N, C-alpha and C. Protein backbone atom coordinates (compact mmCIF):
# COMPACT_ATOMS: atom_id res chain seq x y z
N MET A 1 0.83 -1.25 -0.01
CA MET A 1 -0.04 -0.04 0.05
C MET A 1 0.90 1.38 0.10
N ASP A 2 1.99 1.25 0.64
CA ASP A 2 2.83 2.43 0.77
C ASP A 2 3.53 2.70 -0.65
N ASP A 3 3.69 1.75 -1.43
CA ASP A 3 4.21 1.90 -2.69
C ASP A 3 3.06 2.45 -3.61
N LEU A 4 1.88 2.15 -3.61
CA LEU A 4 0.89 2.67 -4.25
C LEU A 4 0.65 4.16 -3.92
N VAL A 5 0.64 4.46 -2.67
CA VAL A 5 0.48 5.83 -2.22
C VAL A 5 1.64 6.69 -2.80
N GLU A 6 2.90 6.13 -2.64
CA GLU A 6 4.10 6.86 -3.26
C GLU A 6 3.83 7.30 -4.63
N ARG A 7 3.34 6.36 -5.50
CA ARG A 7 3.11 6.44 -6.96
C ARG A 7 2.04 7.55 -7.12
N VAL A 8 1.09 7.59 -6.22
CA VAL A 8 0.12 8.73 -6.27
C VAL A 8 0.64 10.05 -6.02
N VAL A 9 1.38 10.12 -4.89
CA VAL A 9 1.87 11.30 -4.48
C VAL A 9 2.93 11.82 -5.40
N ALA A 10 3.65 10.99 -6.14
CA ALA A 10 4.73 11.45 -7.10
C ALA A 10 4.05 12.08 -8.40
N GLU A 11 2.80 11.79 -8.49
CA GLU A 11 2.08 12.42 -9.71
C GLU A 11 1.59 13.84 -9.23
N ILE A 12 1.44 14.10 -7.98
CA ILE A 12 0.83 15.30 -7.44
C ILE A 12 1.94 16.46 -7.42
N ASP A 13 1.92 17.24 -8.45
CA ASP A 13 2.97 18.34 -8.57
C ASP A 13 2.41 19.69 -8.83
N ARG A 14 1.00 19.68 -8.88
CA ARG A 14 0.28 20.94 -8.79
C ARG A 14 -1.16 20.85 -8.23
N PRO A 15 -1.98 21.79 -8.09
CA PRO A 15 -3.32 21.62 -7.46
C PRO A 15 -4.07 20.57 -8.30
N CYS A 16 -4.78 19.77 -7.61
CA CYS A 16 -5.57 18.65 -8.25
C CYS A 16 -6.65 18.19 -7.32
N ALA A 17 -7.57 17.52 -7.88
CA ALA A 17 -8.65 16.78 -7.16
C ALA A 17 -8.29 15.26 -7.20
N LEU A 18 -8.69 14.66 -6.10
CA LEU A 18 -8.45 13.14 -6.23
C LEU A 18 -10.00 12.47 -5.96
N ILE A 19 -10.15 11.68 -6.97
CA ILE A 19 -11.62 10.88 -7.03
C ILE A 19 -11.31 9.48 -6.82
N ALA A 20 -11.95 8.92 -5.81
CA ALA A 20 -11.62 7.28 -5.68
C ALA A 20 -12.75 6.67 -5.13
N GLN A 21 -12.67 5.35 -5.28
CA GLN A 21 -13.92 4.47 -4.76
C GLN A 21 -13.14 3.36 -3.92
N SER A 22 -13.71 2.99 -2.98
CA SER A 22 -13.56 1.79 -2.07
C SER A 22 -12.00 1.82 -1.53
N MET A 23 -11.25 0.83 -1.89
CA MET A 23 -9.89 0.80 -1.31
C MET A 23 -9.03 1.99 -1.91
N GLY A 24 -9.41 2.51 -3.02
CA GLY A 24 -8.79 3.59 -3.79
C GLY A 24 -8.72 4.83 -2.76
N CYS A 25 -9.89 4.85 -2.07
CA CYS A 25 -10.03 6.07 -1.22
C CYS A 25 -8.83 6.16 -0.10
N ILE A 26 -8.59 4.84 0.28
CA ILE A 26 -7.33 4.87 1.26
C ILE A 26 -6.15 5.56 0.66
N MET A 27 -5.83 5.36 -0.72
CA MET A 27 -4.70 5.92 -1.22
C MET A 27 -5.01 7.38 -1.43
N ALA A 28 -6.19 7.72 -1.76
CA ALA A 28 -6.46 9.21 -1.98
C ALA A 28 -6.36 9.94 -0.54
N ILE A 29 -6.79 9.43 0.60
CA ILE A 29 -6.76 9.96 1.86
C ILE A 29 -5.42 10.15 2.22
N ARG A 30 -4.46 9.06 2.17
CA ARG A 30 -3.11 9.10 2.53
C ARG A 30 -2.28 10.14 1.68
N ALA A 31 -2.63 10.11 0.28
CA ALA A 31 -1.91 11.11 -0.55
C ALA A 31 -2.38 12.55 -0.04
N THR A 32 -3.54 12.80 0.28
CA THR A 32 -3.97 14.16 0.59
C THR A 32 -3.39 14.45 1.87
N LEU A 33 -3.10 13.50 2.89
CA LEU A 33 -2.43 13.88 4.07
C LEU A 33 -0.96 14.25 3.79
N GLU A 34 -0.24 13.52 2.79
CA GLU A 34 1.13 13.90 2.46
C GLU A 34 1.25 15.18 1.61
N GLN A 35 0.12 15.42 0.81
CA GLN A 35 0.32 16.62 0.00
C GLN A 35 -0.95 17.54 0.20
N PRO A 36 -1.09 18.10 1.36
CA PRO A 36 -2.32 18.80 1.62
C PRO A 36 -2.40 20.18 0.86
N GLY A 37 -1.34 20.71 0.52
CA GLY A 37 -1.22 21.98 -0.24
C GLY A 37 -1.90 21.83 -1.67
N PHE A 38 -1.63 20.58 -2.23
CA PHE A 38 -1.89 20.34 -3.61
C PHE A 38 -3.30 19.75 -3.88
N VAL A 39 -3.84 19.06 -2.85
CA VAL A 39 -5.14 18.45 -3.08
C VAL A 39 -6.24 19.54 -2.80
N THR A 40 -6.87 20.00 -3.79
CA THR A 40 -7.83 21.05 -3.55
C THR A 40 -9.12 20.52 -3.15
N HIS A 41 -9.49 19.28 -3.50
CA HIS A 41 -10.86 18.68 -3.21
C HIS A 41 -10.80 17.09 -3.33
N LEU A 42 -11.73 16.53 -2.64
CA LEU A 42 -11.72 15.05 -2.64
C LEU A 42 -13.14 14.73 -3.08
N VAL A 43 -13.07 13.36 -3.69
CA VAL A 43 -14.51 12.67 -3.87
C VAL A 43 -14.04 11.27 -3.44
N LEU A 44 -14.83 10.92 -2.20
CA LEU A 44 -14.51 9.49 -1.85
C LEU A 44 -15.93 8.74 -1.83
N ALA A 45 -15.81 7.61 -2.55
CA ALA A 45 -17.09 6.71 -2.65
C ALA A 45 -17.08 5.41 -1.94
N VAL A 46 -17.99 5.09 -1.12
CA VAL A 46 -18.05 3.71 -0.55
C VAL A 46 -16.72 3.29 0.00
N THR A 47 -16.14 3.88 0.89
CA THR A 47 -14.84 3.43 1.46
C THR A 47 -14.94 3.05 2.89
N SER A 48 -13.80 2.55 3.37
CA SER A 48 -13.77 2.25 4.82
C SER A 48 -13.17 3.51 5.60
N GLY A 49 -12.62 4.19 4.95
CA GLY A 49 -11.85 5.41 5.50
C GLY A 49 -10.80 5.00 6.39
N GLY A 50 -10.41 3.62 6.34
CA GLY A 50 -9.31 3.21 7.11
C GLY A 50 -9.88 2.77 8.55
N MET A 51 -11.19 2.67 8.50
CA MET A 51 -11.81 2.33 9.94
C MET A 51 -12.15 0.86 9.90
N ASP A 52 -12.21 0.33 11.16
CA ASP A 52 -12.78 -1.06 11.27
C ASP A 52 -14.31 -1.04 10.96
N LEU A 53 -14.80 -1.71 10.05
CA LEU A 53 -16.13 -1.67 9.70
C LEU A 53 -17.03 -2.73 10.25
N GLN A 54 -16.45 -3.52 11.12
CA GLN A 54 -17.39 -4.61 11.86
C GLN A 54 -18.41 -3.95 12.75
N ARG A 55 -17.99 -2.76 13.29
CA ARG A 55 -18.96 -2.07 14.34
C ARG A 55 -20.17 -1.63 13.52
N PHE A 56 -20.05 -1.36 12.23
CA PHE A 56 -21.21 -1.09 11.39
C PHE A 56 -22.04 -2.09 10.76
N GLY A 57 -21.60 -3.26 11.15
CA GLY A 57 -22.30 -4.30 10.64
C GLY A 57 -21.92 -4.77 9.21
N ALA A 58 -20.76 -4.27 8.70
CA ALA A 58 -20.36 -4.58 7.27
C ALA A 58 -20.00 -6.02 6.99
N LEU A 59 -20.45 -6.38 5.75
CA LEU A 59 -19.95 -7.69 5.15
C LEU A 59 -18.43 -7.67 5.17
N ASN A 60 -17.86 -8.89 5.47
CA ASN A 60 -16.45 -9.01 5.28
C ASN A 60 -16.24 -9.54 3.82
N TRP A 61 -15.77 -8.79 3.09
CA TRP A 61 -15.81 -9.12 1.56
C TRP A 61 -14.41 -10.03 1.31
N ARG A 62 -13.55 -10.05 2.16
CA ARG A 62 -12.21 -10.61 1.96
C ARG A 62 -12.28 -12.05 1.61
N PRO A 63 -13.05 -12.99 2.37
CA PRO A 63 -13.13 -14.28 2.04
C PRO A 63 -13.73 -14.65 0.63
N LEU A 64 -14.79 -13.89 0.26
CA LEU A 64 -15.35 -14.12 -0.96
C LEU A 64 -14.59 -13.63 -2.01
N MET A 65 -13.88 -12.63 -1.79
CA MET A 65 -12.93 -12.12 -2.95
C MET A 65 -11.82 -13.16 -3.10
N TYR A 66 -11.28 -13.61 -1.97
CA TYR A 66 -10.08 -14.66 -2.16
C TYR A 66 -10.58 -15.94 -2.88
N ALA A 67 -11.86 -16.40 -2.48
CA ALA A 67 -12.29 -17.55 -3.15
C ALA A 67 -12.42 -17.41 -4.59
N ALA A 68 -13.05 -16.24 -5.00
CA ALA A 68 -13.28 -15.99 -6.39
C ALA A 68 -11.99 -15.60 -7.23
N ASN A 69 -10.99 -15.15 -6.39
CA ASN A 69 -9.68 -14.78 -7.07
C ASN A 69 -8.51 -15.18 -6.16
N PRO A 70 -8.18 -16.43 -6.31
CA PRO A 70 -7.15 -16.86 -5.51
C PRO A 70 -5.75 -16.34 -5.56
N SER A 71 -5.53 -15.62 -6.79
CA SER A 71 -4.21 -15.12 -6.93
C SER A 71 -4.18 -13.50 -6.55
N PHE A 72 -5.29 -13.20 -5.99
CA PHE A 72 -5.26 -11.74 -5.56
C PHE A 72 -4.25 -11.51 -4.37
N PRO A 73 -3.51 -10.36 -4.59
CA PRO A 73 -2.37 -10.01 -3.45
C PRO A 73 -3.07 -10.06 -2.10
N ARG A 74 -2.55 -10.75 -1.21
CA ARG A 74 -3.07 -10.65 0.22
C ARG A 74 -2.83 -9.41 0.96
N TRP A 75 -1.65 -8.80 0.63
CA TRP A 75 -1.39 -7.44 1.17
C TRP A 75 -2.47 -6.42 0.94
N PHE A 76 -2.93 -6.56 -0.24
CA PHE A 76 -4.08 -5.36 -0.41
C PHE A 76 -5.34 -5.54 0.31
N ALA A 77 -5.72 -6.72 0.48
CA ALA A 77 -7.11 -6.87 1.19
C ALA A 77 -6.75 -6.95 2.79
N ASP A 78 -5.51 -7.35 3.16
CA ASP A 78 -5.20 -7.46 4.52
C ASP A 78 -4.86 -5.97 5.13
N TYR A 79 -4.71 -5.08 4.25
CA TYR A 79 -4.40 -3.73 4.72
C TYR A 79 -5.45 -3.31 5.65
N ASN A 80 -5.06 -2.81 7.00
CA ASN A 80 -5.89 -2.50 7.97
C ASN A 80 -5.49 -1.26 8.79
N GLU A 81 -4.81 -0.29 8.37
CA GLU A 81 -4.37 0.84 9.11
C GLU A 81 -5.61 1.74 9.32
N ASP A 82 -5.75 2.21 10.64
CA ASP A 82 -6.86 2.91 11.10
C ASP A 82 -6.51 4.32 10.83
N LEU A 83 -7.13 5.04 9.88
CA LEU A 83 -6.84 6.55 9.52
C LEU A 83 -7.89 7.45 10.13
N SER A 84 -8.72 6.98 10.83
CA SER A 84 -9.85 7.86 11.40
C SER A 84 -9.33 8.97 12.24
N CYS A 85 -8.18 8.88 13.07
CA CYS A 85 -7.65 9.96 13.81
C CYS A 85 -7.01 10.99 12.94
N LEU A 86 -6.74 10.60 11.68
CA LEU A 86 -6.10 11.60 10.89
C LEU A 86 -7.07 12.44 9.83
N LEU A 87 -8.28 11.90 9.71
CA LEU A 87 -9.22 12.39 8.94
C LEU A 87 -9.49 13.93 9.32
N PRO A 88 -9.63 14.38 10.61
CA PRO A 88 -9.90 15.69 10.91
C PRO A 88 -8.76 16.74 10.29
N LYS A 89 -7.56 16.26 10.03
CA LYS A 89 -6.65 17.13 9.36
C LYS A 89 -6.73 17.40 8.05
N ILE A 90 -7.58 16.69 7.39
CA ILE A 90 -7.91 17.09 5.88
C ILE A 90 -8.94 18.14 5.89
N GLN A 91 -8.38 19.36 5.24
CA GLN A 91 -9.19 20.51 4.94
C GLN A 91 -9.92 20.53 3.56
N ALA A 92 -9.49 19.84 2.68
CA ALA A 92 -10.12 19.89 1.45
C ALA A 92 -11.48 19.49 1.28
N PRO A 93 -12.26 20.43 0.60
CA PRO A 93 -13.68 20.13 0.59
C PRO A 93 -13.91 18.65 0.00
N THR A 94 -14.80 17.75 0.63
CA THR A 94 -14.72 16.53 0.27
C THR A 94 -16.26 16.03 0.14
N LEU A 95 -16.54 15.42 -1.06
CA LEU A 95 -17.81 14.86 -1.36
C LEU A 95 -17.90 13.41 -1.04
N LEU A 96 -18.61 12.95 -0.21
CA LEU A 96 -18.79 11.51 0.20
C LEU A 96 -19.89 10.90 -0.55
N LEU A 97 -19.65 9.87 -1.17
CA LEU A 97 -20.75 9.24 -2.01
C LEU A 97 -21.03 7.73 -1.45
N TRP A 98 -22.37 7.53 -0.94
CA TRP A 98 -22.61 6.27 -0.35
C TRP A 98 -23.90 5.79 -1.01
N GLY A 99 -23.98 4.49 -0.98
CA GLY A 99 -25.28 3.68 -1.38
C GLY A 99 -25.94 3.35 -0.14
N ASP A 100 -27.26 3.38 -0.16
CA ASP A 100 -28.05 2.83 0.91
C ASP A 100 -28.27 1.28 1.07
N ALA A 101 -27.71 0.74 -0.02
CA ALA A 101 -27.79 -0.86 -0.13
C ALA A 101 -26.36 -1.45 -0.24
N ASP A 102 -25.55 -0.90 0.30
CA ASP A 102 -24.05 -1.46 0.22
C ASP A 102 -23.72 -2.22 1.45
N PRO A 103 -23.61 -3.43 1.38
CA PRO A 103 -23.26 -4.30 2.59
C PRO A 103 -21.79 -4.26 2.88
N ILE A 104 -20.92 -3.74 2.10
CA ILE A 104 -19.50 -3.66 2.27
C ILE A 104 -19.13 -2.48 3.02
N SER A 105 -19.67 -1.32 2.72
CA SER A 105 -19.53 -0.02 3.38
C SER A 105 -20.81 0.59 3.74
N PRO A 106 -21.62 0.13 4.72
CA PRO A 106 -22.89 0.82 5.04
C PRO A 106 -22.80 2.35 5.33
N VAL A 107 -23.97 2.81 5.22
CA VAL A 107 -24.19 4.27 5.22
C VAL A 107 -23.61 4.91 6.53
N GLY A 108 -23.70 4.14 7.57
CA GLY A 108 -23.18 4.56 8.90
C GLY A 108 -21.79 4.83 8.72
N VAL A 109 -20.99 4.13 7.96
CA VAL A 109 -19.51 4.43 7.70
C VAL A 109 -19.42 5.82 7.09
N GLY A 110 -20.31 6.09 5.98
CA GLY A 110 -20.23 7.36 5.41
C GLY A 110 -20.58 8.62 6.39
N ARG A 111 -21.54 8.20 7.30
CA ARG A 111 -21.83 9.26 8.32
C ARG A 111 -20.83 9.57 9.28
N GLU A 112 -20.07 8.45 9.62
CA GLU A 112 -18.91 8.57 10.55
C GLU A 112 -17.86 9.40 9.95
N ILE A 113 -17.49 9.13 8.76
CA ILE A 113 -16.47 9.69 8.00
C ILE A 113 -16.74 11.20 7.85
N ALA A 114 -18.19 11.56 7.49
CA ALA A 114 -18.54 12.83 7.41
C ALA A 114 -18.37 13.67 8.67
N SER A 115 -18.60 13.10 9.90
CA SER A 115 -18.40 13.73 11.19
C SER A 115 -16.85 13.96 11.41
N LEU A 116 -15.98 13.24 10.75
CA LEU A 116 -14.51 13.32 11.08
C LEU A 116 -13.87 14.42 10.15
N LEU A 117 -14.42 14.56 8.96
CA LEU A 117 -13.86 15.47 7.97
C LEU A 117 -14.42 16.80 8.21
N PRO A 118 -13.51 17.84 8.30
CA PRO A 118 -14.27 19.24 8.68
C PRO A 118 -14.98 19.84 7.46
N ASN A 119 -14.71 19.41 6.28
CA ASN A 119 -15.46 20.07 5.06
C ASN A 119 -15.98 18.99 4.24
N ALA A 120 -16.70 18.13 4.78
CA ALA A 120 -17.37 16.91 4.07
C ALA A 120 -18.82 17.15 3.98
N LYS A 121 -19.37 16.68 2.72
CA LYS A 121 -20.78 16.78 2.49
C LYS A 121 -21.09 15.21 2.00
N LEU A 122 -22.12 14.59 2.64
CA LEU A 122 -22.38 13.27 2.31
C LEU A 122 -23.71 13.23 1.43
N HIS A 123 -23.52 12.47 0.37
CA HIS A 123 -24.75 12.19 -0.45
C HIS A 123 -24.96 10.69 -0.59
N ILE A 124 -26.38 10.36 -0.16
CA ILE A 124 -26.60 8.90 -0.19
C ILE A 124 -27.41 8.49 -1.47
N VAL A 125 -26.95 7.56 -2.30
CA VAL A 125 -27.67 7.18 -3.48
C VAL A 125 -28.64 6.10 -3.04
N SER A 126 -29.78 6.33 -3.37
CA SER A 126 -30.84 5.37 -3.27
C SER A 126 -30.69 4.08 -4.00
N GLY A 127 -30.54 2.92 -3.41
CA GLY A 127 -30.34 1.68 -4.14
C GLY A 127 -28.97 1.40 -4.51
N GLY A 128 -28.04 2.29 -4.17
CA GLY A 128 -26.71 2.20 -4.48
C GLY A 128 -25.97 1.20 -3.67
N ASP A 129 -25.18 0.25 -4.35
CA ASP A 129 -24.48 -0.72 -3.67
C ASP A 129 -22.88 -0.28 -3.86
N HIS A 130 -22.08 -1.25 -3.51
CA HIS A 130 -20.76 -1.01 -3.60
C HIS A 130 -20.07 -0.56 -5.03
N ASN A 131 -20.92 -0.78 -6.01
CA ASN A 131 -20.50 -0.39 -7.29
C ASN A 131 -21.11 0.82 -7.73
N LEU A 132 -21.54 1.74 -6.80
CA LEU A 132 -22.43 2.83 -7.17
C LEU A 132 -21.94 3.73 -8.07
N ALA A 133 -20.62 4.06 -8.01
CA ALA A 133 -20.24 5.07 -9.04
C ALA A 133 -20.54 4.66 -10.50
N MET A 134 -20.32 3.40 -10.71
CA MET A 134 -20.63 2.84 -12.17
C MET A 134 -22.04 2.66 -12.29
N ALA A 135 -22.81 1.98 -11.54
CA ALA A 135 -24.14 1.64 -11.63
C ALA A 135 -25.12 2.87 -11.62
N HIS A 136 -24.67 3.91 -10.89
CA HIS A 136 -25.38 5.18 -10.83
C HIS A 136 -24.76 6.37 -11.26
N ALA A 137 -23.90 6.13 -12.41
CA ALA A 137 -23.17 7.36 -12.86
C ALA A 137 -23.92 8.39 -13.39
N LYS A 138 -25.15 8.26 -13.83
CA LYS A 138 -26.00 9.37 -14.33
C LYS A 138 -26.28 10.34 -13.10
N GLU A 139 -26.51 9.60 -11.99
CA GLU A 139 -26.79 10.45 -10.66
C GLU A 139 -25.43 11.07 -10.20
N VAL A 140 -24.52 10.29 -10.20
CA VAL A 140 -23.19 10.70 -9.25
C VAL A 140 -22.45 11.64 -10.17
N ALA A 141 -22.29 11.47 -11.52
CA ALA A 141 -21.39 12.41 -12.18
C ALA A 141 -21.88 13.98 -12.10
N PRO A 142 -23.07 14.32 -12.02
CA PRO A 142 -23.38 15.71 -11.78
C PRO A 142 -23.11 16.18 -10.41
N LEU A 143 -23.05 15.31 -9.44
CA LEU A 143 -22.77 15.63 -8.09
C LEU A 143 -21.32 15.97 -7.97
N ILE A 144 -20.51 15.12 -8.71
CA ILE A 144 -19.13 15.27 -8.69
C ILE A 144 -18.87 16.70 -9.46
N ASP A 145 -19.35 16.93 -10.62
CA ASP A 145 -19.09 18.13 -11.39
C ASP A 145 -19.47 19.33 -10.48
N ALA A 146 -20.51 19.41 -9.72
CA ALA A 146 -20.92 20.39 -8.90
C ALA A 146 -20.04 20.59 -7.72
N HIS A 147 -19.49 19.55 -7.27
CA HIS A 147 -18.58 19.52 -6.08
C HIS A 147 -17.20 20.25 -6.53
N LEU A 148 -16.72 19.80 -7.79
CA LEU A 148 -15.38 20.32 -8.24
C LEU A 148 -15.75 21.83 -8.75
N ALA A 149 -16.77 22.11 -9.22
CA ALA A 149 -17.00 23.51 -9.59
C ALA A 149 -17.08 24.51 -8.32
N ASN A 150 -17.75 24.02 -7.27
CA ASN A 150 -17.78 24.78 -6.17
C ASN A 150 -16.74 24.84 -5.19
N ALA A 151 -15.82 23.93 -5.16
CA ALA A 151 -14.76 23.67 -4.19
C ALA A 151 -13.72 24.88 -4.39
N VAL A 152 -13.39 25.47 -3.34
CA VAL A 152 -12.43 26.55 -3.28
C VAL A 152 -11.17 26.19 -2.68
């Protein structure tokens, strides 16, 4: 994970937005913490935010993923750094996108992350699951456009 974050950070050499989904949000959060002056705004969709999701009743996706993809790298799915105490340091305006039908990252996770990020707005997509950015692109894209246009 550290190598992936390094690769993202290495590309940030001017103001930019970071848009990510699921585990990609961990990289976006960590990159923002490393380059706070360059990340002007964030869009985070259905992530853990680096928190333990068991207390939210989340489905543990790892066994199913390993069964379906035995060659999937264990280090990626076994990553479990808790970033929640660092989230309040992120000042970038952040759009949080959640689906109300996501068993992997329930809406309660989005609400918790929204409470930790100082400049966050949570949007809940009705019927959205863990693939909400793709499955609900017509609803999500205008939200992202508006967020990027209004972020200062």
